[in-house]
Amino acid sequence: MSQSNHDPDLESWQHNLAPHNLSYRIKLLSQLLGRNFTEKLEPFGLTPFHWLVLCCLWQEDGLPTSSISDRLKQVGGTLTGVLDRMEERGLVRRERDLHDRRIWRIWLTDAGRELETTLPPIAAAVRAEAMHGISSPHCELFSQLLNQAIANLS
């Protein structure tokens, strides 16, 4: 028996092939967003990873390195290099924890704090460009669905 183009099993299988599968499209979206945001951050000498670290510290300054790594789901070595460059640029400073000398806490400098007024509108513009033509309720639903998929795989 030959399979027609409308066979449900075949159609379901076709959705798993690139460029139609979900993981490929999410990766493509991530790359496009990353490229766009990288271009916008370039004049500031920053990367999207710097942005993520700054966001953590704007929400709670003085975090231990391990907490930043946990929040961003990053391995320590990768974060250490990023923090080195941010410290060289005068955006953050590291201090030993007063109660546990094994812990390094990361603090914003004045220059790092000042970026909080400049960078969020840039990030919002990139998000708005990506979500152009999609209603607010659908944007919120998309965000919730992504969060659920991340939680499912974490």
N, C-alpha and C. Protein backbone atom coordinates (compact mmCIF):
# COMPACT_ATOMS: atom_id res chain seq x y z
N MET A 1 0.85 -1.18 0.00
CA MET A 1 0.00 0.00 0.00
C MET A 1 0.89 1.23 0.00
N SER A 2 0.69 2.14 -0.93
CA SER A 2 1.53 3.34 -1.01
C SER A 2 1.03 4.40 -0.03
N GLN A 3 2.00 5.21 0.40
CA GLN A 3 1.63 6.28 1.34
C GLN A 3 1.33 7.55 0.56
N SER A 4 0.25 8.18 0.91
CA SER A 4 -0.11 9.43 0.25
C SER A 4 0.59 10.58 0.95
N ASN A 5 0.55 11.75 0.35
CA ASN A 5 1.15 12.94 0.95
C ASN A 5 0.40 13.39 2.19
N HIS A 6 -0.78 12.83 2.43
CA HIS A 6 -1.58 13.25 3.59
C HIS A 6 -1.62 12.21 4.69
N ASP A 7 -0.75 11.25 4.63
CA ASP A 7 -0.66 10.22 5.67
C ASP A 7 -0.23 10.89 6.99
N PRO A 8 -1.05 10.78 8.06
CA PRO A 8 -0.71 11.44 9.33
C PRO A 8 0.64 11.00 9.89
N ASP A 9 0.98 9.71 9.74
CA ASP A 9 2.28 9.25 10.24
C ASP A 9 3.42 9.91 9.49
N LEU A 10 3.28 10.02 8.18
CA LEU A 10 4.31 10.65 7.36
C LEU A 10 4.43 12.14 7.70
N GLU A 11 3.29 12.81 7.84
CA GLU A 11 3.32 14.24 8.17
C GLU A 11 3.97 14.47 9.52
N SER A 12 3.66 13.62 10.49
CA SER A 12 4.26 13.76 11.81
C SER A 12 5.77 13.56 11.73
N TRP A 13 6.20 12.59 10.95
CA TRP A 13 7.61 12.32 10.75
C TRP A 13 8.30 13.50 10.04
N GLN A 14 7.63 14.11 9.08
CA GLN A 14 8.19 15.24 8.33
C GLN A 14 8.48 16.43 9.24
N HIS A 15 7.68 16.60 10.29
CA HIS A 15 7.90 17.72 11.21
C HIS A 15 9.17 17.57 12.02
N ASN A 16 9.75 16.38 12.01
CA ASN A 16 10.99 16.15 12.74
C ASN A 16 12.22 16.42 11.89
N LEU A 17 12.04 16.73 10.62
CA LEU A 17 13.16 17.00 9.73
C LEU A 17 13.45 18.49 9.66
N ALA A 18 14.74 18.83 9.61
CA ALA A 18 15.12 20.23 9.36
C ALA A 18 14.72 20.55 7.93
N PRO A 19 14.33 21.72 7.61
CA PRO A 19 14.27 22.90 8.46
C PRO A 19 12.93 23.10 9.16
N HIS A 20 12.13 22.07 9.25
CA HIS A 20 10.80 22.22 9.84
C HIS A 20 10.73 21.85 11.32
N ASN A 21 11.74 21.15 11.84
CA ASN A 21 11.61 20.70 13.22
C ASN A 21 11.80 21.85 14.21
N LEU A 22 11.24 21.63 15.37
CA LEU A 22 11.21 22.67 16.40
C LEU A 22 12.61 23.09 16.84
N SER A 23 13.48 22.13 17.09
CA SER A 23 14.81 22.48 17.61
C SER A 23 15.60 23.30 16.59
N TYR A 24 15.47 22.96 15.32
CA TYR A 24 16.16 23.74 14.29
C TYR A 24 15.65 25.18 14.27
N ARG A 25 14.33 25.33 14.32
CA ARG A 25 13.75 26.68 14.26
C ARG A 25 14.09 27.49 15.50
N ILE A 26 14.13 26.86 16.68
CA ILE A 26 14.52 27.57 17.89
C ILE A 26 15.98 27.98 17.80
N LYS A 27 16.83 27.08 17.30
CA LYS A 27 18.25 27.41 17.13
C LYS A 27 18.40 28.57 16.15
N LEU A 28 17.68 28.55 15.05
CA LEU A 28 17.74 29.63 14.07
C LEU A 28 17.29 30.95 14.69
N LEU A 29 16.20 30.93 15.44
CA LEU A 29 15.72 32.13 16.12
C LEU A 29 16.78 32.64 17.09
N SER A 30 17.38 31.74 17.84
CA SER A 30 18.43 32.13 18.79
C SER A 30 19.61 32.78 18.07
N GLN A 31 20.02 32.20 16.96
CA GLN A 31 21.14 32.77 16.21
C GLN A 31 20.80 34.15 15.65
N LEU A 32 19.60 34.29 15.11
CA LEU A 32 19.19 35.58 14.56
C LEU A 32 19.08 36.65 15.65
N LEU A 33 18.46 36.28 16.77
CA LEU A 33 18.37 37.22 17.90
C LEU A 33 19.76 37.58 18.40
N GLY A 34 20.61 36.57 18.55
CA GLY A 34 21.98 36.80 19.03
C GLY A 34 22.76 37.71 18.11
N ARG A 35 22.67 37.48 16.81
CA ARG A 35 23.38 38.32 15.84
C ARG A 35 22.89 39.77 15.91
N ASN A 36 21.57 39.93 15.95
CA ASN A 36 20.98 41.27 16.01
C ASN A 36 21.42 41.99 17.29
N PHE A 37 21.32 41.30 18.42
CA PHE A 37 21.67 41.92 19.70
C PHE A 37 23.17 42.20 19.78
N THR A 38 23.98 41.28 19.25
CA THR A 38 25.43 41.49 19.23
C THR A 38 25.78 42.77 18.48
N GLU A 39 25.14 42.98 17.34
CA GLU A 39 25.37 44.20 16.56
C GLU A 39 25.02 45.45 17.36
N LYS A 40 23.93 45.37 18.10
CA LYS A 40 23.49 46.53 18.90
C LYS A 40 24.41 46.79 20.10
N LEU A 41 25.02 45.72 20.64
CA LEU A 41 25.90 45.86 21.80
C LEU A 41 27.33 46.23 21.41
N GLU A 42 27.67 46.00 20.15
CA GLU A 42 29.04 46.22 19.69
C GLU A 42 29.59 47.62 20.00
N PRO A 43 28.81 48.69 19.80
CA PRO A 43 29.35 50.02 20.11
C PRO A 43 29.73 50.18 21.59
N PHE A 44 29.18 49.35 22.45
CA PHE A 44 29.47 49.42 23.88
C PHE A 44 30.60 48.46 24.27
N GLY A 45 31.09 47.69 23.29
CA GLY A 45 32.13 46.71 23.57
C GLY A 45 31.64 45.55 24.41
N LEU A 46 30.35 45.23 24.29
CA LEU A 46 29.74 44.18 25.09
C LEU A 46 29.24 43.04 24.20
N THR A 47 29.00 41.91 24.84
CA THR A 47 28.43 40.75 24.17
C THR A 47 27.10 40.42 24.86
N PRO A 48 26.28 39.57 24.24
CA PRO A 48 25.06 39.14 24.91
C PRO A 48 25.33 38.47 26.26
N PHE A 49 26.45 37.78 26.42
CA PHE A 49 26.77 37.16 27.70
C PHE A 49 27.04 38.23 28.75
N HIS A 50 27.74 39.32 28.37
CA HIS A 50 27.93 40.43 29.30
C HIS A 50 26.57 40.97 29.75
N TRP A 51 25.66 41.11 28.80
CA TRP A 51 24.30 41.58 29.10
C TRP A 51 23.64 40.71 30.15
N LEU A 52 23.75 39.39 29.99
CA LEU A 52 23.12 38.47 30.93
C LEU A 52 23.69 38.63 32.34
N VAL A 53 25.01 38.76 32.42
CA VAL A 53 25.65 38.95 33.73
C VAL A 53 25.19 40.27 34.34
N LEU A 54 25.18 41.32 33.54
CA LEU A 54 24.72 42.62 34.04
C LEU A 54 23.28 42.53 34.54
N CYS A 55 22.41 41.83 33.81
CA CYS A 55 21.01 41.67 34.24
C CYS A 55 20.95 41.01 35.62
N CYS A 56 21.73 39.98 35.82
CA CYS A 56 21.75 39.31 37.14
C CYS A 56 22.14 40.30 38.23
N LEU A 57 23.16 41.09 37.97
CA LEU A 57 23.67 42.01 38.99
C LEU A 57 22.75 43.23 39.17
N TRP A 58 22.07 43.64 38.13
CA TRP A 58 21.09 44.73 38.30
C TRP A 58 19.95 44.26 39.20
N GLN A 59 19.62 42.99 39.13
CA GLN A 59 18.56 42.45 39.97
C GLN A 59 19.03 42.21 41.40
N GLU A 60 20.29 41.79 41.55
CA GLU A 60 20.84 41.53 42.88
C GLU A 60 22.35 41.68 42.82
N ASP A 61 22.83 42.83 43.25
CA ASP A 61 24.26 43.11 43.23
C ASP A 61 24.98 42.29 44.30
N GLY A 62 26.23 41.98 44.05
CA GLY A 62 27.03 41.25 45.04
C GLY A 62 26.79 39.75 45.06
N LEU A 63 26.31 39.20 43.97
CA LEU A 63 26.06 37.76 43.90
C LEU A 63 27.38 36.98 43.90
N PRO A 64 27.37 35.81 44.51
CA PRO A 64 28.53 34.93 44.36
C PRO A 64 28.62 34.46 42.90
N THR A 65 29.82 34.20 42.45
CA THR A 65 30.02 33.72 41.09
C THR A 65 29.17 32.49 40.82
N SER A 66 29.09 31.58 41.79
CA SER A 66 28.31 30.34 41.60
C SER A 66 26.83 30.64 41.39
N SER A 67 26.30 31.67 42.03
CA SER A 67 24.88 32.01 41.85
C SER A 67 24.63 32.55 40.44
N ILE A 68 25.56 33.37 39.95
CA ILE A 68 25.42 33.88 38.58
C ILE A 68 25.46 32.70 37.61
N SER A 69 26.40 31.81 37.81
CA SER A 69 26.53 30.64 36.95
C SER A 69 25.26 29.79 36.98
N ASP A 70 24.70 29.58 38.17
CA ASP A 70 23.46 28.80 38.31
C ASP A 70 22.30 29.47 37.58
N ARG A 71 22.18 30.76 37.75
CA ARG A 71 21.07 31.49 37.12
C ARG A 71 21.16 31.44 35.61
N LEU A 72 22.39 31.46 35.09
CA LEU A 72 22.58 31.49 33.64
C LEU A 72 22.84 30.10 33.06
N LYS A 73 22.83 29.08 33.93
CA LYS A 73 23.07 27.71 33.50
C LYS A 73 24.40 27.60 32.74
N GLN A 74 25.44 28.19 33.32
CA GLN A 74 26.77 28.21 32.70
C GLN A 74 27.78 27.48 33.54
N VAL A 75 28.81 26.98 32.88
CA VAL A 75 29.91 26.36 33.60
C VAL A 75 30.85 27.46 34.08
N GLY A 76 31.47 27.25 35.24
CA GLY A 76 32.29 28.27 35.87
C GLY A 76 33.40 28.83 35.01
N GLY A 77 34.09 27.97 34.24
CA GLY A 77 35.20 28.44 33.42
C GLY A 77 34.78 29.48 32.41
N THR A 78 33.64 29.27 31.79
CA THR A 78 33.13 30.22 30.80
C THR A 78 32.82 31.56 31.49
N LEU A 79 32.18 31.49 32.62
CA LEU A 79 31.81 32.70 33.35
C LEU A 79 33.05 33.43 33.86
N THR A 80 34.06 32.70 34.28
CA THR A 80 35.28 33.33 34.80
C THR A 80 35.91 34.23 33.75
N GLY A 81 36.02 33.74 32.52
CA GLY A 81 36.59 34.55 31.44
C GLY A 81 35.77 35.80 31.16
N VAL A 82 34.46 35.65 31.18
CA VAL A 82 33.57 36.79 30.94
C VAL A 82 33.75 37.82 32.06
N LEU A 83 33.80 37.35 33.31
CA LEU A 83 33.98 38.26 34.44
C LEU A 83 35.35 38.93 34.38
N ASP A 84 36.36 38.20 33.93
CA ASP A 84 37.70 38.81 33.76
C ASP A 84 37.62 40.01 32.82
N ARG A 85 36.97 39.82 31.67
CA ARG A 85 36.85 40.91 30.69
C ARG A 85 35.99 42.06 31.21
N MET A 86 34.93 41.72 31.94
CA MET A 86 34.08 42.77 32.50
C MET A 86 34.83 43.56 33.56
N GLU A 87 35.65 42.88 34.33
CA GLU A 87 36.45 43.56 35.35
C GLU A 87 37.50 44.46 34.69
N GLU A 88 38.15 43.97 33.63
CA GLU A 88 39.13 44.77 32.88
C GLU A 88 38.49 46.03 32.31
N ARG A 89 37.22 45.93 31.91
CA ARG A 89 36.49 47.08 31.34
C ARG A 89 35.94 48.00 32.41
N GLY A 90 36.10 47.62 33.68
CA GLY A 90 35.63 48.46 34.77
C GLY A 90 34.14 48.39 35.02
N LEU A 91 33.49 47.29 34.62
CA LEU A 91 32.05 47.14 34.80
C LEU A 91 31.69 46.45 36.11
N VAL A 92 32.58 45.56 36.57
CA VAL A 92 32.35 44.83 37.82
C VAL A 92 33.65 44.78 38.62
N ARG A 93 33.50 44.45 39.89
CA ARG A 93 34.66 44.18 40.74
C ARG A 93 34.36 42.93 41.54
N ARG A 94 35.42 42.20 41.88
CA ARG A 94 35.28 40.96 42.65
C ARG A 94 35.83 41.19 44.05
N GLU A 95 35.11 40.65 45.01
CA GLU A 95 35.57 40.72 46.41
C GLU A 95 35.32 39.36 47.05
N ARG A 96 36.21 38.98 47.93
CA ARG A 96 36.02 37.75 48.70
C ARG A 96 34.85 37.96 49.66
N ASP A 97 34.09 36.90 49.86
CA ASP A 97 32.99 36.93 50.82
C ASP A 97 33.58 37.11 52.23
N LEU A 98 32.94 37.95 53.03
CA LEU A 98 33.44 38.22 54.37
C LEU A 98 33.38 37.00 55.29
N HIS A 99 32.45 36.10 55.03
CA HIS A 99 32.24 34.95 55.92
C HIS A 99 32.83 33.65 55.37
N ASP A 100 33.10 33.60 54.08
CA ASP A 100 33.66 32.39 53.47
C ASP A 100 34.63 32.82 52.37
N ARG A 101 35.91 32.76 52.66
CA ARG A 101 36.94 33.25 51.75
C ARG A 101 37.02 32.46 50.44
N ARG A 102 36.36 31.31 50.37
CA ARG A 102 36.35 30.54 49.12
C ARG A 102 35.42 31.17 48.09
N ILE A 103 34.51 32.00 48.53
CA ILE A 103 33.47 32.58 47.66
C ILE A 103 33.90 33.96 47.18
N TRP A 104 33.77 34.17 45.88
CA TRP A 104 33.98 35.49 45.29
C TRP A 104 32.61 36.09 45.00
N ARG A 105 32.41 37.32 45.45
CA ARG A 105 31.17 38.05 45.14
C ARG A 105 31.47 39.06 44.04
N ILE A 106 30.49 39.25 43.17
CA ILE A 106 30.64 40.15 42.03
C ILE A 106 29.76 41.38 42.26
N TRP A 107 30.39 42.53 42.18
CA TRP A 107 29.70 43.80 42.43
C TRP A 107 29.79 44.68 41.19
N LEU A 108 28.73 45.39 40.91
CA LEU A 108 28.74 46.38 39.83
C LEU A 108 29.58 47.58 40.23
N THR A 109 30.27 48.15 39.27
CA THR A 109 30.92 49.44 39.47
C THR A 109 29.93 50.51 39.02
N ASP A 110 30.30 51.76 39.16
CA ASP A 110 29.43 52.84 38.68
C ASP A 110 29.18 52.69 37.18
N ALA A 111 30.23 52.32 36.43
CA ALA A 111 30.07 52.15 34.98
C ALA A 111 29.09 51.02 34.66
N GLY A 112 29.13 49.94 35.41
CA GLY A 112 28.20 48.83 35.22
C GLY A 112 26.78 49.22 35.56
N ARG A 113 26.62 50.02 36.61
CA ARG A 113 25.29 50.49 37.01
C ARG A 113 24.71 51.46 35.97
N GLU A 114 25.56 52.30 35.41
CA GLU A 114 25.08 53.29 34.42
C GLU A 114 24.49 52.62 33.18
N LEU A 115 24.98 51.45 32.83
CA LEU A 115 24.46 50.76 31.65
C LEU A 115 23.01 50.31 31.81
N GLU A 116 22.53 50.29 33.06
CA GLU A 116 21.15 49.87 33.31
C GLU A 116 20.14 50.83 32.69
N THR A 117 20.52 52.06 32.46
CA THR A 117 19.61 52.99 31.80
C THR A 117 19.72 52.93 30.28
N THR A 118 20.85 52.44 29.77
CA THR A 118 21.11 52.43 28.33
C THR A 118 20.72 51.12 27.66
N LEU A 119 21.09 50.00 28.26
CA LEU A 119 20.95 48.72 27.57
C LEU A 119 19.55 48.12 27.53
N PRO A 120 18.75 48.20 28.60
CA PRO A 120 17.41 47.60 28.52
C PRO A 120 16.54 48.10 27.36
N PRO A 121 16.57 49.40 27.02
CA PRO A 121 15.78 49.82 25.86
C PRO A 121 16.28 49.20 24.55
N ILE A 122 17.58 48.94 24.46
CA ILE A 122 18.14 48.30 23.27
C ILE A 122 17.64 46.85 23.19
N ALA A 123 17.67 46.16 24.31
CA ALA A 123 17.17 44.78 24.35
C ALA A 123 15.68 44.74 24.02
N ALA A 124 14.94 45.70 24.54
CA ALA A 124 13.50 45.76 24.26
C ALA A 124 13.24 46.00 22.78
N ALA A 125 14.07 46.81 22.13
CA ALA A 125 13.90 47.07 20.70
C ALA A 125 14.17 45.81 19.87
N VAL A 126 15.18 45.03 20.27
CA VAL A 126 15.47 43.78 19.57
C VAL A 126 14.30 42.82 19.73
N ARG A 127 13.79 42.72 20.95
CA ARG A 127 12.63 41.84 21.20
C ARG A 127 11.42 42.31 20.38
N ALA A 128 11.17 43.62 20.36
CA ALA A 128 10.03 44.16 19.61
C ALA A 128 10.17 43.85 18.12
N GLU A 129 11.39 43.96 17.61
CA GLU A 129 11.61 43.66 16.19
C GLU A 129 11.32 42.18 15.91
N ALA A 130 11.78 41.31 16.80
CA ALA A 130 11.56 39.88 16.62
C ALA A 130 10.08 39.53 16.71
N MET A 131 9.35 40.20 17.56
CA MET A 131 7.95 39.85 17.81
C MET A 131 6.97 40.74 17.03
N HIS A 132 7.49 41.53 16.11
CA HIS A 132 6.64 42.41 15.29
C HIS A 132 5.54 41.59 14.61
N GLY A 133 4.32 42.08 14.72
CA GLY A 133 3.19 41.42 14.08
C GLY A 133 2.58 40.30 14.91
N ILE A 134 3.13 40.06 16.10
CA ILE A 134 2.60 39.03 16.99
C ILE A 134 1.94 39.75 18.17
N SER A 135 0.71 39.41 18.47
CA SER A 135 -0.03 40.10 19.53
C SER A 135 0.62 39.88 20.89
N SER A 136 0.37 40.80 21.81
CA SER A 136 0.92 40.67 23.17
C SER A 136 0.51 39.36 23.84
N PRO A 137 -0.77 38.96 23.76
CA PRO A 137 -1.12 37.66 24.37
C PRO A 137 -0.34 36.49 23.77
N HIS A 138 -0.12 36.52 22.45
CA HIS A 138 0.64 35.45 21.82
C HIS A 138 2.12 35.51 22.22
N CYS A 139 2.67 36.71 22.38
CA CYS A 139 4.05 36.85 22.85
C CYS A 139 4.18 36.25 24.25
N GLU A 140 3.22 36.55 25.10
CA GLU A 140 3.25 36.02 26.47
C GLU A 140 3.11 34.50 26.45
N LEU A 141 2.21 33.99 25.64
CA LEU A 141 2.04 32.54 25.52
C LEU A 141 3.32 31.89 25.00
N PHE A 142 3.94 32.48 24.02
CA PHE A 142 5.20 31.96 23.47
C PHE A 142 6.26 31.89 24.57
N SER A 143 6.36 32.92 25.37
CA SER A 143 7.32 32.95 26.48
C SER A 143 7.02 31.84 27.49
N GLN A 144 5.75 31.68 27.82
CA GLN A 144 5.36 30.63 28.77
C GLN A 144 5.66 29.24 28.21
N LEU A 145 5.40 29.04 26.93
CA LEU A 145 5.67 27.75 26.31
C LEU A 145 7.16 27.44 26.28
N LEU A 146 7.96 28.45 25.97
CA LEU A 146 9.42 28.26 26.01
C LEU A 146 9.88 27.90 27.42
N ASN A 147 9.37 28.61 28.41
CA ASN A 147 9.73 28.32 29.80
C ASN A 147 9.37 26.88 30.17
N GLN A 148 8.20 26.43 29.74
CA GLN A 148 7.77 25.07 30.05
C GLN A 148 8.67 24.05 29.37
N ALA A 149 9.01 24.28 28.10
CA ALA A 149 9.88 23.36 27.37
C ALA A 149 11.26 23.31 28.03
N ILE A 150 11.78 24.44 28.46
CA ILE A 150 13.08 24.49 29.15
C ILE A 150 12.99 23.71 30.45
N ALA A 151 11.93 23.94 31.21
CA ALA A 151 11.74 23.22 32.47
C ALA A 151 11.63 21.71 32.23
N ASN A 152 10.95 21.33 31.18
CA ASN A 152 10.79 19.91 30.87
C ASN A 152 12.12 19.22 30.61
N LEU A 153 13.05 19.95 30.02
CA LEU A 153 14.34 19.36 29.66
C LEU A 153 15.44 19.61 30.68
N SER A 154 15.14 20.43 31.68
CA SER A 154 16.18 20.75 32.68
C SER A 154 16.27 19.67 33.75
